[in-house]
Amino acid sequence: MAKNYIKGSIREVEIKGTDDTKLLVSLSLEDFTKIVNEKGFVNIVIQRRRDADQYGNTHYAYENDYKPGEKKSFTPADRAVSSPKPSKLKPPTYKEDLDDNPFI
C-alpha cells in the first residue's frame, strides 16, 4: 500500500546549552482530518530523512495504516531472503594449528 504523506515541516534542532535535541513540528490540519479514525485519533509515523531538504526539514510524517489483527499479504519477493534451516548447516572443516597461532 502506498504511504499517505502528511504535508508540513518537521525539523530537529539542538537545545542550547545541552546535548539534547527537539523536533519542531508543523503539520497540515487538512491532512489530519482526512485520516482521523473512529475513536478520534490520528495515527502517524515520524521518520528521519536521509538528508535535510532545502528548507532544513530533517523528518517527514505519514499515516500509520496498521490495523491490529489485519494480516498483510506478501509477494514472493518479500519472502526471498531467508536463513538456511539449521539441519543443513555443516560444521567448519578446518583444523587449527596451535603451534603457528601468534595470538596464544
C-alpha atoms as a PDB file:
ATOM      1  CA  MET A   1       0.000   0.000   0.000  1.00  0.00           C
ATOM      2  CA  ALA A   2       1.287   3.469  -0.854  1.00  0.00           C
ATOM      3  CA  LYS A   3       2.201   5.783   2.006  1.00  0.00           C
ATOM      4  CA  ASN A   4      -0.160   8.661   2.713  1.00  0.00           C
ATOM      5  CA  TYR A   5       2.309  11.507   3.390  1.00  0.00           C
ATOM      6  CA  ILE A   6       1.265  14.449   5.551  1.00  0.00           C
ATOM      7  CA  LYS A   7       2.168  17.938   4.376  1.00  0.00           C
ATOM      8  CA  GLY A   8       4.186  20.008   6.777  1.00  0.00           C
ATOM      9  CA  SER A   9       7.542  20.764   8.280  1.00  0.00           C
ATOM     10  CA  ILE A  10       9.493  18.717  10.836  1.00  0.00           C
ATOM     11  CA  ARG A  11      12.937  19.940  11.897  1.00  0.00           C
ATOM     12  CA  GLU A  12      15.288  18.645  14.552  1.00  0.00           C
ATOM     13  CA  VAL A  13      17.006  21.452  16.464  1.00  0.00           C
ATOM     14  CA  GLU A  14      19.562  21.469  19.263  1.00  0.00           C
ATOM     15  CA  ILE A  15      18.580  22.766  22.684  1.00  0.00           C
ATOM     16  CA  LYS A  16      21.077  25.451  23.679  1.00  0.00           C
ATOM     17  CA  GLY A  17      23.431  24.527  26.499  1.00  0.00           C
ATOM     18  CA  THR A  18      22.608  20.799  26.343  1.00  0.00           C
ATOM     19  CA  ASP A  19      23.334  17.759  24.225  1.00  0.00           C
ATOM     20  CA  ASP A  20      19.589  17.293  23.649  1.00  0.00           C
ATOM     21  CA  THR A  21      17.517  17.959  20.561  1.00  0.00           C
ATOM     22  CA  LYS A  22      13.815  18.553  19.951  1.00  0.00           C
ATOM     23  CA  LEU A  23      11.512  18.323  16.958  1.00  0.00           C
ATOM     24  CA  LEU A  24       9.722  21.420  15.727  1.00  0.00           C
ATOM     25  CA  VAL A  25       6.576  20.118  14.014  1.00  0.00           C
ATOM     26  CA  SER A  26       4.066  21.953  11.824  1.00  0.00           C
ATOM     27  CA  LEU A  27       1.622  19.656  10.029  1.00  0.00           C
ATOM     28  CA  SER A  28      -1.424  20.223   7.834  1.00  0.00           C
ATOM     29  CA  LEU A  29      -4.742  20.103   9.742  1.00  0.00           C
ATOM     30  CA  GLU A  30      -6.495  19.300   6.459  1.00  0.00           C
ATOM     31  CA  ASP A  31      -4.402  16.123   6.062  1.00  0.00           C
ATOM     32  CA  PHE A  32      -5.154  15.148   9.679  1.00  0.00           C
ATOM     33  CA  THR A  33      -8.914  15.465   9.224  1.00  0.00           C
ATOM     34  CA  LYS A  34      -8.720  13.013   6.311  1.00  0.00           C
ATOM     35  CA  ILE A  35      -7.071  10.278   8.400  1.00  0.00           C
ATOM     36  CA  VAL A  36      -8.791  10.635  11.799  1.00  0.00           C
ATOM     37  CA  ASN A  37     -10.036   7.220  12.984  1.00  0.00           C
ATOM     38  CA  GLU A  38     -13.399   6.252  14.534  1.00  0.00           C
ATOM     39  CA  LYS A  39     -12.033   6.967  18.053  1.00  0.00           C
ATOM     40  CA  GLY A  40     -10.905  10.481  17.089  1.00  0.00           C
ATOM     41  CA  PHE A  41      -7.191   9.713  16.918  1.00  0.00           C
ATOM     42  CA  VAL A  42      -4.698  10.367  14.128  1.00  0.00           C
ATOM     43  CA  ASN A  43      -2.045   7.662  13.872  1.00  0.00           C
ATOM     44  CA  ILE A  44       1.129   8.843  12.202  1.00  0.00           C
ATOM     45  CA  VAL A  45       4.762   7.814  11.821  1.00  0.00           C
ATOM     46  CA  ILE A  46       7.538  10.405  12.006  1.00  0.00           C
ATOM     47  CA  GLN A  47      10.682   9.208  10.274  1.00  0.00           C
ATOM     48  CA  ARG A  48      14.133  10.735   9.795  1.00  0.00           C
ATOM     49  CA  ARG A  49      15.081  11.824   6.276  1.00  0.00           C
ATOM     50  CA  ARG A  50      18.372  10.619   4.824  1.00  0.00           C
ATOM     51  CA  ASP A  51      19.401  14.237   4.286  1.00  0.00           C
ATOM     52  CA  ALA A  52      17.784  17.502   5.296  1.00  0.00           C
ATOM     53  CA  ASP A  53      15.776  19.114   2.491  1.00  0.00           C
ATOM     54  CA  GLN A  54      16.239  22.645   1.118  1.00  0.00           C
ATOM     55  CA  TYR A  55      14.152  24.077   3.994  1.00  0.00           C
ATOM     56  CA  GLY A  56      16.064  22.298   6.769  1.00  0.00           C
ATOM     57  CA  ASN A  57      13.435  19.594   7.381  1.00  0.00           C
ATOM     58  CA  THR A  58      15.097  16.537   8.913  1.00  0.00           C
ATOM     59  CA  HIS A  59      11.997  14.322   9.290  1.00  0.00           C
ATOM     60  CA  TYR A  60       8.736  13.554   7.492  1.00  0.00           C
ATOM     61  CA  ALA A  61       5.354  12.185   8.556  1.00  0.00           C
ATOM     62  CA  TYR A  62       2.933   9.703   7.050  1.00  0.00           C
ATOM     63  CA  GLU A  63      -0.218   7.872   8.112  1.00  0.00           C
ATOM     64  CA  ASN A  64       0.260   4.706  10.158  1.00  0.00           C
ATOM     65  CA  ASP A  65      -2.315   2.466   8.491  1.00  0.00           C
ATOM     66  CA  TYR A  66      -1.569  -0.638  10.591  1.00  0.00           C
ATOM     67  CA  LYS A  67      -4.676  -2.326  11.975  1.00  0.00           C
ATOM     68  CA  PRO A  68      -4.234  -4.913  14.768  1.00  0.00           C
ATOM     69  CA  GLY A  69      -5.301  -8.370  13.672  1.00  0.00           C
ATOM     70  CA  GLU A  70      -5.071  -7.476   9.984  1.00  0.00           C
ATOM     71  CA  LYS A  71      -2.824  -9.800   8.028  1.00  0.00           C
ATOM     72  CA  LYS A  72      -0.737  -8.241   5.308  1.00  0.00           C
ATOM     73  CA  SER A  73      -0.225 -10.114   2.075  1.00  0.00           C
ATOM     74  CA  PHE A  74       3.334 -10.607   0.916  1.00  0.00           C
ATOM     75  CA  THR A  75       4.726 -11.196  -2.540  1.00  0.00           C
ATOM     76  CA  PRO A  76       7.291 -13.935  -3.208  1.00  0.00           C
ATOM     77  CA  ALA A  77       9.956 -11.206  -3.409  1.00  0.00           C
ATOM     78  CA  ASP A  78       9.200 -10.225   0.220  1.00  0.00           C
ATOM     79  CA  ARG A  79       9.935 -13.794   1.307  1.00  0.00           C
ATOM     80  CA  ALA A  80      13.058 -14.240  -0.844  1.00  0.00           C
ATOM     81  CA  VAL A  81      15.522 -13.523   1.959  1.00  0.00           C
ATOM     82  CA  SER A  82      15.578 -16.322   4.488  1.00  0.00           C
ATOM     83  CA  SER A  83      18.174 -18.102   6.543  1.00  0.00           C
ATOM     84  CA  PRO A  84      19.034 -21.752   5.931  1.00  0.00           C
ATOM     85  CA  LYS A  85      17.499 -24.397   8.172  1.00  0.00           C
ATOM     86  CA  PRO A  86      19.829 -25.472  10.995  1.00  0.00           C
ATOM     87  CA  SER A  87      19.812 -29.084   9.795  1.00  0.00           C
ATOM     88  CA  LYS A  88      21.526 -28.025   6.551  1.00  0.00           C
ATOM     89  CA  LEU A  89      24.363 -26.197   8.277  1.00  0.00           C
ATOM     90  CA  LYS A  90      27.672 -28.030   8.380  1.00  0.00           C
ATOM     91  CA  PRO A  91      30.441 -27.513  10.924  1.00  0.00           C
ATOM     92  CA  PRO A  92      33.699 -25.950   9.690  1.00  0.00           C
ATOM     93  CA  THR A  93      36.201 -28.434   8.227  1.00  0.00           C
ATOM     94  CA  TYR A  94      39.428 -26.621   9.099  1.00  0.00           C
ATOM     95  CA  LYS A  95      41.803 -27.633  11.882  1.00  0.00           C
ATOM     96  CA  GLU A  96      43.645 -25.019  13.863  1.00  0.00           C
ATOM     97  CA  ASP A  97      47.387 -25.432  14.187  1.00  0.00           C
ATOM     98  CA  LEU A  98      48.096 -24.222  17.710  1.00  0.00           C
ATOM     99  CA  ASP A  99      51.865 -24.045  17.164  1.00  0.00           C
ATOM    100  CA  ASP A 100      51.548 -21.422  14.406  1.00  0.00           C
ATOM    101  CA  ASN A 101      48.947 -19.277  16.183  1.00  0.00           C
ATOM    102  CA  PRO A 102      50.554 -15.898  17.141  1.00  0.00           C
ATOM    103  CA  PHE A 103      47.667 -14.999  19.499  1.00  0.00           C
ATOM    104  CA  ILE A 104      48.206 -17.775  22.039  1.00  0.00           C
END
